[in-house]
C-alpha atoms as a PDB file:
ATOM      1  CA  MET A   1     -14.699  -4.559   5.868  1.00  0.00           C
ATOM      2  CA  LEU A   2     -12.292  -2.408   7.906  1.00  0.00           C
ATOM      3  CA  GLN A   3     -13.389   0.812   9.551  1.00  0.00           C
ATOM      4  CA  ILE A   4     -11.243   3.395  11.336  1.00  0.00           C
ATOM      5  CA  LYS A   5     -13.232   6.121  13.048  1.00  0.00           C
ATOM      6  CA  ASN A   6     -12.118   9.219  14.938  1.00  0.00           C
ATOM      7  CA  LEU A   7      -8.647   7.760  15.586  1.00  0.00           C
ATOM      8  CA  ASP A   8      -6.147   9.522  17.826  1.00  0.00           C
ATOM      9  CA  PHE A   9      -2.679   8.095  18.365  1.00  0.00           C
ATOM     10  CA  SER A  10       0.545   9.412  19.830  1.00  0.00           C
ATOM     11  CA  TYR A  11       3.883   7.916  20.837  1.00  0.00           C
ATOM     12  CA  ARG A  12       4.458  10.523  23.504  1.00  0.00           C
ATOM     13  CA  LYS A  13       2.242  12.837  25.478  1.00  0.00           C
ATOM     14  CA  GLY A  14       1.372  16.134  23.856  1.00  0.00           C
ATOM     15  CA  ARG A  15       2.178  15.269  20.227  1.00  0.00           C
ATOM     16  CA  LYS A  16      -0.489  13.485  18.215  1.00  0.00           C
ATOM     17  CA  LEU A  17       0.552  11.503  15.179  1.00  0.00           C
ATOM     18  CA  PHE A  18      -3.076  10.848  14.198  1.00  0.00           C
ATOM     19  CA  ASP A  19      -5.837  13.279  15.086  1.00  0.00           C
ATOM     20  CA  SER A  20      -9.419  12.103  14.379  1.00  0.00           C
ATOM     21  CA  LEU A  21      -8.237  10.005  11.417  1.00  0.00           C
ATOM     22  CA  GLU A  22     -10.964   8.303   9.361  1.00  0.00           C
ATOM     23  CA  LEU A  23     -10.438   5.477   6.866  1.00  0.00           C
ATOM     24  CA  SER A  24     -12.528   2.645   5.461  1.00  0.00           C
ATOM     25  CA  LEU A  25     -11.422  -0.288   3.317  1.00  0.00           C
ATOM     26  CA  GLY A  26     -13.665  -2.570   1.290  1.00  0.00           C
ATOM     27  CA  LYS A  27     -13.058  -5.843  -0.527  1.00  0.00           C
ATOM     28  CA  GLY A  28     -11.595  -6.400  -3.960  1.00  0.00           C
ATOM     29  CA  SER A  29      -8.960  -3.627  -4.102  1.00  0.00           C
ATOM     30  CA  ILE A  30      -5.208  -3.180  -3.952  1.00  0.00           C
ATOM     31  CA  TYR A  31      -4.875  -0.001  -1.922  1.00  0.00           C
ATOM     32  CA  GLY A  32      -1.694   2.025  -2.272  1.00  0.00           C
ATOM     33  CA  LEU A  33      -0.764   3.883   0.921  1.00  0.00           C
ATOM     34  CA  LEU A  34       1.782   6.477  -0.126  1.00  0.00           C
ATOM     35  CA  GLY A  35       3.723   8.882   2.038  1.00  0.00           C
ATOM     36  CA  LYS A  36       7.131  10.252   2.895  1.00  0.00           C
ATOM     37  CA  ASN A  37       9.313   8.640   5.542  1.00  0.00           C
ATOM     38  CA  GLY A  38       7.867   9.548   8.927  1.00  0.00           C
ATOM     39  CA  ALA A  39       4.396  10.333   7.588  1.00  0.00           C
ATOM     40  CA  GLY A  40       2.777   7.624   9.718  1.00  0.00           C
ATOM     41  CA  LYS A  41       2.363   4.774   7.191  1.00  0.00           C
ATOM     42  CA  SER A  42       3.952   2.026   9.288  1.00  0.00           C
ATOM     43  CA  THR A  43       2.238   3.191  12.457  1.00  0.00           C
ATOM     44  CA  LEU A  44      -1.144   3.160  10.748  1.00  0.00           C
ATOM     45  CA  LEU A  45      -0.629  -0.422   9.562  1.00  0.00           C
ATOM     46  CA  LYS A  46       0.324  -1.519  13.078  1.00  0.00           C
ATOM     47  CA  VAL A  47      -2.760   0.161  14.514  1.00  0.00           C
ATOM     48  CA  MET A  48      -4.826  -1.630  11.857  1.00  0.00           C
ATOM     49  CA  THR A  49      -3.488  -4.992  13.022  1.00  0.00           C
ATOM     50  CA  GLY A  50      -3.917  -4.297  16.732  1.00  0.00           C
ATOM     51  CA  LEU A  51      -0.167  -4.222  17.384  1.00  0.00           C
ATOM     52  CA  LEU A  52      -0.494  -0.606  18.545  1.00  0.00           C
ATOM     53  CA  TYR A  53      -3.424   0.793  20.501  1.00  0.00           C
ATOM     54  CA  ALA A  54      -5.147   4.073  19.774  1.00  0.00           C
ATOM     55  CA  GLN A  55      -5.764   6.582  22.547  1.00  0.00           C
ATOM     56  CA  LYS A  56      -9.163   7.366  21.043  1.00  0.00           C
ATOM     57  CA  GLY A  57     -11.434   6.058  18.328  1.00  0.00           C
ATOM     58  CA  SER A  58     -12.066   2.605  16.899  1.00  0.00           C
ATOM     59  CA  VAL A  59     -10.442   0.178  14.470  1.00  0.00           C
ATOM     60  CA  ASP A  60     -12.835  -2.627  13.525  1.00  0.00           C
ATOM     61  CA  LEU A  61     -12.627  -5.556  11.113  1.00  0.00           C
ATOM     62  CA  TYR A  62     -16.075  -6.882  10.251  1.00  0.00           C
ATOM     63  CA  GLY A  63     -17.384  -4.965  13.252  1.00  0.00           C
ATOM     64  CA  THR A  64     -14.942  -6.505  15.759  1.00  0.00           C
ATOM     65  CA  PRO A  65     -12.301  -4.291  17.427  1.00  0.00           C
ATOM     66  CA  LEU A  66      -8.849  -5.352  16.227  1.00  0.00           C
ATOM     67  CA  GLY A  67      -7.360  -4.212  19.525  1.00  0.00           C
ATOM     68  CA  LYS A  68      -8.968  -7.217  21.219  1.00  0.00           C
ATOM     69  CA  ARG A  69      -6.757  -9.472  19.043  1.00  0.00           C
ATOM     70  CA  LEU A  70      -9.320 -12.266  18.984  1.00  0.00           C
ATOM     71  CA  PRO A  71      -8.225 -15.406  17.088  1.00  0.00           C
ATOM     72  CA  ASP A  72     -11.265 -15.346  14.781  1.00  0.00           C
ATOM     73  CA  THR A  73     -10.378 -11.776  13.806  1.00  0.00           C
ATOM     74  CA  LEU A  74      -6.615 -12.188  13.552  1.00  0.00           C
ATOM     75  CA  LYS A  75      -6.950 -15.115  11.128  1.00  0.00           C
ATOM     76  CA  GLU A  76      -8.566 -12.647   8.697  1.00  0.00           C
ATOM     77  CA  ILE A  77      -5.590 -10.293   8.597  1.00  0.00           C
ATOM     78  CA  PHE A  78      -1.918 -10.758   7.674  1.00  0.00           C
ATOM     79  CA  PHE A  79       0.774  -8.147   8.228  1.00  0.00           C
ATOM     80  CA  LEU A  80       4.135  -8.079   6.449  1.00  0.00           C
ATOM     81  CA  PRO A  81       6.403  -5.555   8.233  1.00  0.00           C
ATOM     82  CA  GLU A  82       9.207  -3.750   6.462  1.00  0.00           C
ATOM     83  CA  GLU A  83      11.879  -5.518   8.507  1.00  0.00           C
ATOM     84  CA  ILE A  84      11.460  -9.276   8.813  1.00  0.00           C
ATOM     85  CA  TYR A  85      13.085 -11.734  11.195  1.00  0.00           C
ATOM     86  CA  LEU A  86      12.636 -15.435  10.531  1.00  0.00           C
ATOM     87  CA  PRO A  87      13.460 -18.413  12.779  1.00  0.00           C
ATOM     88  CA  ASP A  88      16.061 -21.015  11.871  1.00  0.00           C
ATOM     89  CA  PHE A  89      13.499 -23.268  10.171  1.00  0.00           C
ATOM     90  CA  THR A  90      13.280 -24.970   6.832  1.00  0.00           C
ATOM     91  CA  THR A  91      10.571 -23.537   4.604  1.00  0.00           C
ATOM     92  CA  SER A  92       8.390 -26.601   5.181  1.00  0.00           C
ATOM     93  CA  GLU A  93       8.780 -26.317   8.969  1.00  0.00           C
ATOM     94  CA  TYR A  94       7.770 -22.675   8.864  1.00  0.00           C
ATOM     95  CA  ILE A  95       4.782 -23.375   6.626  1.00  0.00           C
ATOM     96  CA  LYS A  96       3.585 -26.289   8.781  1.00  0.00           C
ATOM     97  CA  LEU A  97       3.802 -24.288  12.013  1.00  0.00           C
ATOM     98  CA  TYR A  98       2.391 -20.920  10.951  1.00  0.00           C
ATOM     99  CA  SER A  99      -0.194 -21.996   8.369  1.00  0.00           C
ATOM    100  CA  ALA A 100      -2.184 -23.584  11.213  1.00  0.00           C
ATOM    101  CA  PHE A 101      -3.293 -20.087  12.246  1.00  0.00           C
ATOM    102  CA  TYR A 102      -4.995 -19.478   8.867  1.00  0.00           C
ATOM    103  CA  ASP A 103      -7.799 -21.870   7.969  1.00  0.00           C
ATOM    104  CA  ARG A 104      -7.833 -20.805   4.282  1.00  0.00           C
ATOM    105  CA  PHE A 105      -4.093 -21.315   3.761  1.00  0.00           C
ATOM    106  CA  ASN A 106      -3.473 -22.897   0.349  1.00  0.00           C
ATOM    107  CA  PRO A 107      -0.280 -25.032   0.124  1.00  0.00           C
ATOM    108  CA  ALA A 108      -0.543 -25.340  -3.662  1.00  0.00           C
ATOM    109  CA  GLN A 109      -0.610 -21.545  -4.043  1.00  0.00           C
ATOM    110  CA  MET A 110       2.363 -21.293  -1.712  1.00  0.00           C
ATOM    111  CA  GLN A 111       4.435 -23.709  -3.766  1.00  0.00           C
ATOM    112  CA  GLU A 112       3.492 -22.010  -7.029  1.00  0.00           C
ATOM    113  CA  MET A 113       4.489 -18.585  -5.746  1.00  0.00           C
ATOM    114  CA  MET A 114       7.784 -19.932  -4.413  1.00  0.00           C
ATOM    115  CA  ARG A 115       8.500 -21.244  -7.908  1.00  0.00           C
ATOM    116  CA  GLU A 116       7.547 -17.880  -9.409  1.00  0.00           C
ATOM    117  CA  PHE A 117       9.838 -16.065  -6.965  1.00  0.00           C
ATOM    118  CA  GLU A 118      12.622 -18.665  -7.448  1.00  0.00           C
ATOM    119  CA  VAL A 119      12.758 -19.464  -3.741  1.00  0.00           C
ATOM    120  CA  ASP A 120      14.472 -22.822  -3.176  1.00  0.00           C
ATOM    121  CA  PRO A 121      12.207 -24.876  -0.858  1.00  0.00           C
ATOM    122  CA  SER A 122      15.198 -26.869   0.384  1.00  0.00           C
ATOM    123  CA  ASP A 123      16.966 -23.792   1.812  1.00  0.00           C
ATOM    124  CA  ARG A 124      16.860 -22.961   5.485  1.00  0.00           C
ATOM    125  CA  LEU A 125      15.400 -19.525   6.132  1.00  0.00           C
ATOM    126  CA  LYS A 126      18.458 -18.529   8.145  1.00  0.00           C
ATOM    127  CA  HIS A 127      20.716 -19.010   5.133  1.00  0.00           C
ATOM    128  CA  MET A 128      18.581 -17.073   2.642  1.00  0.00           C
ATOM    129  CA  SER A 129      19.455 -13.584   1.468  1.00  0.00           C
ATOM    130  CA  TYR A 130      17.238 -10.767   2.707  1.00  0.00           C
ATOM    131  CA  GLY A 131      15.512 -10.545  -0.676  1.00  0.00           C
ATOM    132  CA  GLN A 132      14.764 -14.287  -0.702  1.00  0.00           C
ATOM    133  CA  LYS A 133      13.363 -14.097   2.826  1.00  0.00           C
ATOM    134  CA  LYS A 134      11.160 -11.202   1.779  1.00  0.00           C
ATOM    135  CA  LYS A 135       9.811 -13.123  -1.200  1.00  0.00           C
ATOM    136  CA  PHE A 136       9.136 -16.180   0.957  1.00  0.00           C
ATOM    137  CA  VAL A 137       7.072 -14.177   3.469  1.00  0.00           C
ATOM    138  CA  ILE A 138       5.212 -12.353   0.675  1.00  0.00           C
ATOM    139  CA  ALA A 139       4.277 -15.736  -0.811  1.00  0.00           C
ATOM    140  CA  PHE A 140       3.211 -17.047   2.597  1.00  0.00           C
ATOM    141  CA  GLY A 141       1.073 -13.980   3.305  1.00  0.00           C
ATOM    142  CA  LEU A 142      -0.750 -14.221  -0.020  1.00  0.00           C
ATOM    143  CA  ALA A 143      -1.277 -17.962   0.420  1.00  0.00           C
ATOM    144  CA  THR A 144      -3.088 -17.373   3.724  1.00  0.00           C
ATOM    145  CA  ASN A 145      -6.013 -16.004   1.685  1.00  0.00           C
ATOM    146  CA  CYS A 146      -6.807 -13.579   4.497  1.00  0.00           C
ATOM    147  CA  SER A 147      -9.523 -10.982   3.952  1.00  0.00           C
ATOM    148  CA  LEU A 148      -6.995  -8.188   4.445  1.00  0.00           C
ATOM    149  CA  ILE A 149      -3.262  -8.333   3.741  1.00  0.00           C
ATOM    150  CA  LEU A 150      -1.121  -5.384   4.824  1.00  0.00           C
ATOM    151  CA  MET A 151       2.379  -4.961   3.391  1.00  0.00           C
ATOM    152  CA  ASP A 152       4.845  -2.345   4.605  1.00  0.00           C
ATOM    153  CA  GLU A 153       7.484  -1.474   1.972  1.00  0.00           C
ATOM    154  CA  PRO A 154       7.356  -4.986   0.453  1.00  0.00           C
ATOM    155  CA  THR A 155       9.647  -4.140  -2.485  1.00  0.00           C
ATOM    156  CA  ASN A 156      12.540  -3.025  -0.258  1.00  0.00           C
ATOM    157  CA  GLY A 157      15.290  -5.610  -0.695  1.00  0.00           C
ATOM    158  CA  LEU A 158      13.943  -6.916  -4.009  1.00  0.00           C
ATOM    159  CA  ASP A 159      15.943  -6.623  -7.216  1.00  0.00           C
ATOM    160  CA  ILE A 160      14.347  -5.300 -10.410  1.00  0.00           C
ATOM    161  CA  PRO A 161      13.200  -8.709 -11.803  1.00  0.00           C
ATOM    162  CA  SER A 162      11.753  -9.618  -8.403  1.00  0.00           C
ATOM    163  CA  LYS A 163       9.802  -6.353  -8.236  1.00  0.00           C
ATOM    164  CA  SER A 164       8.238  -7.207 -11.587  1.00  0.00           C
ATOM    165  CA  LYS A 165       7.317 -10.680 -10.324  1.00  0.00           C
ATOM    166  CA  PHE A 166       5.911  -9.145  -7.142  1.00  0.00           C
ATOM    167  CA  ARG A 167       3.507  -6.995  -9.155  1.00  0.00           C
ATOM    168  CA  LYS A 168       2.504  -9.998 -11.265  1.00  0.00           C
ATOM    169  CA  VAL A 169       1.871 -12.265  -8.277  1.00  0.00           C
ATOM    170  CA  VAL A 170      -0.071  -9.683  -6.258  1.00  0.00           C
ATOM    171  CA  ALA A 171      -2.273  -8.780  -9.235  1.00  0.00           C
ATOM    172  CA  SER A 172      -3.081 -12.458  -9.823  1.00  0.00           C
ATOM    173  CA  MET A 173      -4.139 -13.017  -6.207  1.00  0.00           C
ATOM    174  CA  ILE A 174      -6.688 -10.233  -5.762  1.00  0.00           C
ATOM    175  CA  ASP A 175     -10.381 -11.152  -5.914  1.00  0.00           C
ATOM    176  CA  GLU A 176     -13.729  -9.999  -4.552  1.00  0.00           C
ATOM    177  CA  ASN A 177     -13.120 -11.706  -1.203  1.00  0.00           C
ATOM    178  CA  ARG A 178      -9.987  -9.874  -0.127  1.00  0.00           C
ATOM    179  CA  SER A 179      -8.115  -6.609  -0.244  1.00  0.00           C
ATOM    180  CA  ILE A 180      -4.446  -5.760  -0.056  1.00  0.00           C
ATOM    181  CA  MET A 181      -2.939  -2.544   1.254  1.00  0.00           C
ATOM    182  CA  ILE A 182       0.635  -1.793   0.230  1.00  0.00           C
ATOM    183  CA  SER A 183       2.497   0.983   2.019  1.00  0.00           C
ATOM    184  CA  THR A 184       5.465   2.541   0.274  1.00  0.00           C
ATOM    185  CA  HIS A 185       7.346   5.733  -0.465  1.00  0.00           C
ATOM    186  CA  GLN A 186       8.785   4.132  -3.634  1.00  0.00           C
ATOM    187  CA  VAL A 187       5.756   4.882  -5.765  1.00  0.00           C
ATOM    188  CA  ARG A 188       7.225   3.735  -9.082  1.00  0.00           C
ATOM    189  CA  ASP A 189       7.409   0.158  -7.771  1.00  0.00           C
ATOM    190  CA  LEU A 190       3.608   0.019  -7.630  1.00  0.00           C
ATOM    191  CA  GLU A 191       2.601   1.636 -10.910  1.00  0.00           C
ATOM    192  CA  ASN A 192      -0.167  -0.232 -12.752  1.00  0.00           C
ATOM    193  CA  LEU A 193      -0.929  -2.203  -9.573  1.00  0.00           C
ATOM    194  CA  ILE A 194      -2.538  -0.012  -6.926  1.00  0.00           C
ATOM    195  CA  ASP A 195      -6.093   1.303  -7.079  1.00  0.00           C
ATOM    196  CA  PRO A 196      -7.214   3.394  -5.247  1.00  0.00           C
ATOM    197  CA  VAL A 197      -4.411   5.735  -4.180  1.00  0.00           C
ATOM    198  CA  ILE A 198      -4.281   6.953  -0.569  1.00  0.00           C
ATOM    199  CA  ILE A 199      -1.725   9.563   0.505  1.00  0.00           C
ATOM    200  CA  ILE A 200      -0.883  10.251   4.130  1.00  0.00           C
ATOM    201  CA  GLU A 201       1.035  13.307   5.293  1.00  0.00           C
ATOM    202  CA  GLN A 202       1.792  14.382   8.846  1.00  0.00           C
ATOM    203  CA  GLY A 203      -0.576  11.770  10.222  1.00  0.00           C
ATOM    204  CA  LYS A 204      -3.555  12.768   8.075  1.00  0.00           C
ATOM    205  CA  ILE A 205      -5.165  11.199   5.020  1.00  0.00           C
ATOM    206  CA  ILE A 206      -4.871  14.076   2.552  1.00  0.00           C
ATOM    207  CA  PHE A 207      -5.839  12.248  -0.643  1.00  0.00           C
ATOM    208  CA  ARG A 208      -7.896   9.224  -1.634  1.00  0.00           C
ATOM    209  CA  GLN A 209      -8.985   8.642  -5.207  1.00  0.00           C
ATOM    210  CA  PRO A 210      -9.500   5.735  -7.618  1.00  0.00           C
ATOM    211  CA  VAL A 211      -7.095   5.665 -10.531  1.00  0.00           C
ATOM    212  CA  ASP A 212      -9.822   6.149 -13.146  1.00  0.00           C
ATOM    213  CA  VAL A 213     -10.866   9.449 -11.546  1.00  0.00           C
ATOM    214  CA  ILE A 214      -7.228  10.593 -11.434  1.00  0.00           C
ATOM    215  CA  ALA A 215      -6.716   9.633 -15.090  1.00  0.00           C
ATOM    216  CA  GLU A 216      -9.921  11.395 -16.141  1.00  0.00           C
ATOM    217  CA  GLY A 217      -9.256  14.553 -14.182  1.00  0.00           C
ATOM    218  CA  LEU A 218      -5.501  15.094 -14.424  1.00  0.00           C
ATOM    219  CA  SER A 219      -2.928  15.165 -17.214  1.00  0.00           C
ATOM    220  CA  PHE A 220       0.758  14.371 -16.667  1.00  0.00           C
ATOM    221  CA  HIS A 221       3.327  15.551 -19.195  1.00  0.00           C
ATOM    222  CA  GLN A 222       6.561  17.436 -19.812  1.00  0.00           C
ATOM    223  CA  THR A 223       7.123  20.928 -21.169  1.00  0.00           C
ATOM    224  CA  GLY A 224      10.173  22.431 -22.814  1.00  0.00           C
ATOM    225  CA  ARG A 225      12.417  24.979 -21.140  1.00  0.00           C
ATOM    226  CA  ASP A 226      11.119  27.897 -23.219  1.00  0.00           C
ATOM    227  CA  GLU A 227       7.434  26.943 -23.168  1.00  0.00           C
ATOM    228  CA  SER A 228       5.002  29.104 -21.223  1.00  0.00           C
ATOM    229  CA  ALA A 229       2.981  27.633 -18.382  1.00  0.00           C
ATOM    230  CA  PRO A 230       0.236  25.374 -19.808  1.00  0.00           C
ATOM    231  CA  ALA A 231      -3.451  26.081 -19.235  1.00  0.00           C
ATOM    232  CA  GLY A 232      -4.986  24.505 -16.142  1.00  0.00           C
ATOM    233  CA  LEU A 233      -1.637  24.113 -14.397  1.00  0.00           C
ATOM    234  CA  LEU A 234      -1.906  22.506 -10.954  1.00  0.00           C
ATOM    235  CA  TYR A 235       1.729  21.603 -10.279  1.00  0.00           C
ATOM    236  CA  SER A 236       5.139  21.970 -11.905  1.00  0.00           C
ATOM    237  CA  GLU A 237       8.632  20.765 -11.080  1.00  0.00           C
ATOM    238  CA  GLU A 238      11.823  21.538 -12.933  1.00  0.00           C
ATOM    239  CA  MET A 239      13.742  18.841 -14.761  1.00  0.00           C
ATOM    240  CA  PHE A 240      16.613  18.841 -17.197  1.00  0.00           C
ATOM    241  CA  GLY A 241      15.464  20.651 -20.329  1.00  0.00           C
ATOM    242  CA  GLY A 242      12.089  21.759 -18.986  1.00  0.00           C
ATOM    243  CA  SER A 243       9.426  20.858 -16.457  1.00  0.00           C
ATOM    244  CA  ARG A 244       7.190  17.991 -15.437  1.00  0.00           C
ATOM    245  CA  VAL A 245       3.663  19.275 -14.970  1.00  0.00           C
ATOM    246  CA  VAL A 246       0.226  18.247 -13.767  1.00  0.00           C
ATOM    247  CA  THR A 247      -2.698  20.025 -15.398  1.00  0.00           C
ATOM    248  CA  ARG A 248      -6.449  19.701 -15.559  1.00  0.00           C
ATOM    249  CA  ASN A 249      -7.280  17.071 -18.166  1.00  0.00           C
ATOM    250  CA  THR A 250      -9.458  18.653 -20.847  1.00  0.00           C
ATOM    251  CA  SER A 251      -8.743  16.133 -23.604  1.00  0.00           C
ATOM    252  CA  GLY A 252     -11.790  13.975 -22.939  1.00  0.00           C
ATOM    253  CA  GLU A 253      -9.531  10.902 -22.749  1.00  0.00           C
ATOM    254  CA  ALA A 254      -7.983   9.178 -19.748  1.00  0.00           C
ATOM    255  CA  SER A 255      -4.344  10.081 -19.186  1.00  0.00           C
ATOM    256  CA  GLN A 256      -1.456   7.835 -18.195  1.00  0.00           C
ATOM    257  CA  VAL A 257      -0.997   8.445 -14.456  1.00  0.00           C
ATOM    258  CA  ASP A 258       2.539   9.252 -13.310  1.00  0.00           C
ATOM    259  CA  PHE A 259       2.356   8.155  -9.665  1.00  0.00           C
ATOM    260  CA  GLU A 260       5.563   9.859  -8.595  1.00  0.00           C
ATOM    261  CA  LEU A 261       4.474  13.156 -10.147  1.00  0.00           C
ATOM    262  CA  LEU A 262       0.989  12.745  -8.663  1.00  0.00           C
ATOM    263  CA  PHE A 263       2.472  12.191  -5.203  1.00  0.00           C
ATOM    264  CA  ASN A 264       4.630  15.320  -5.408  1.00  0.00           C
ATOM    265  CA  ALA A 265       1.725  17.341  -6.789  1.00  0.00           C
ATOM    266  CA  VAL A 266      -0.641  16.303  -4.004  1.00  0.00           C
ATOM    267  CA  LEU A 267       1.901  17.184  -1.321  1.00  0.00           C
ATOM    268  CA  SER A 268       2.449  20.595  -2.915  1.00  0.00           C
ATOM    269  CA  ASN A 269      -1.132  21.468  -3.890  1.00  0.00           C
ATOM    270  CA  THR A 270      -3.424  19.240  -1.840  1.00  0.00           C
ATOM    271  CA  ARG A 271      -6.411  21.551  -1.832  1.00  0.00           C
ATOM    272  CA  GLY A 272      -6.263  22.472  -5.512  1.00  0.00           C
ATOM    273  CA  ILE A 273      -6.035  18.893  -6.743  1.00  0.00           C
ATOM    274  CA  ASN A 274      -8.700  17.564  -4.382  1.00  0.00           C
ATOM    275  CA  GLU A 275     -11.117  20.351  -5.304  1.00  0.00           C
ATOM    276  CA  HIS A 276     -10.563  19.774  -9.015  1.00  0.00           C
ATOM    277  CA  LEU A 277     -11.163  16.018  -8.746  1.00  0.00           C
ATOM    278  CA  LYS A 278     -14.384  16.674  -6.827  1.00  0.00           C
ATOM    279  CA  THR A 279     -15.667  18.516  -9.881  1.00  0.00           C
ATOM    280  CA  VAL A 280     -14.703  15.542 -12.064  1.00  0.00           C
ATOM    281  CA  GLN A 281     -16.767  13.185  -9.886  1.00  0.00           C
ATOM    282  CA  SER A 282     -19.805  15.467  -9.625  1.00  0.00           C
END
């Protein structure tokens, strides 16, 4: 569906943010794009929507360059930025105006998601809290039924109940005709939702694996303060009373993936974890 090939991008001359970056996205997945602040997540999403232009390489959706920003291509992609600014419209005015750009927009889905998110349809967007605005735009983006929906830090500004509803709504909307990519550094907000996991660091994709491969190949657990290092140790971090560790999974059963621990482990031991998971897949 979406192909990025040999991508170079820089904000200023002499310092590349992306250097020959490669990435492909298919249909039917909720991709998790994880990375620290400044790793290039937001920039990559903007390049993927044609809002920023690469110095080299290609970014194509269904074979058409996104940089051309053709209407028939743009109607297949929706981008939710981290910071949102909405006009002084009622919700119905906004929906009527902007839904015209998306020929698969579903008003019934929109209304159902607004009810789920407890967004009052009679409120003016200007008077909503930031969290309510965020939920409104999330609902609108999902109701477009675009082939590819990109969300940059969508859970920022949401309270704990709203984050739970966000996961529920997004999971219910995925099907074989679309994919969603969610960029975040708050990995715990997306547990049990994203698959596969993509990690970007210093402008490079350093990790990409489906959750079932991670669960089959790695084990996540805690050790006591006086326990010796476990066999097959790949990563360890101290915690009160002991350590949190990632080891090779030799149990023969899928483990429960700790996304935060996985993220830290990949940043610390990228090569070791990638090489081990290659053996799991072979």
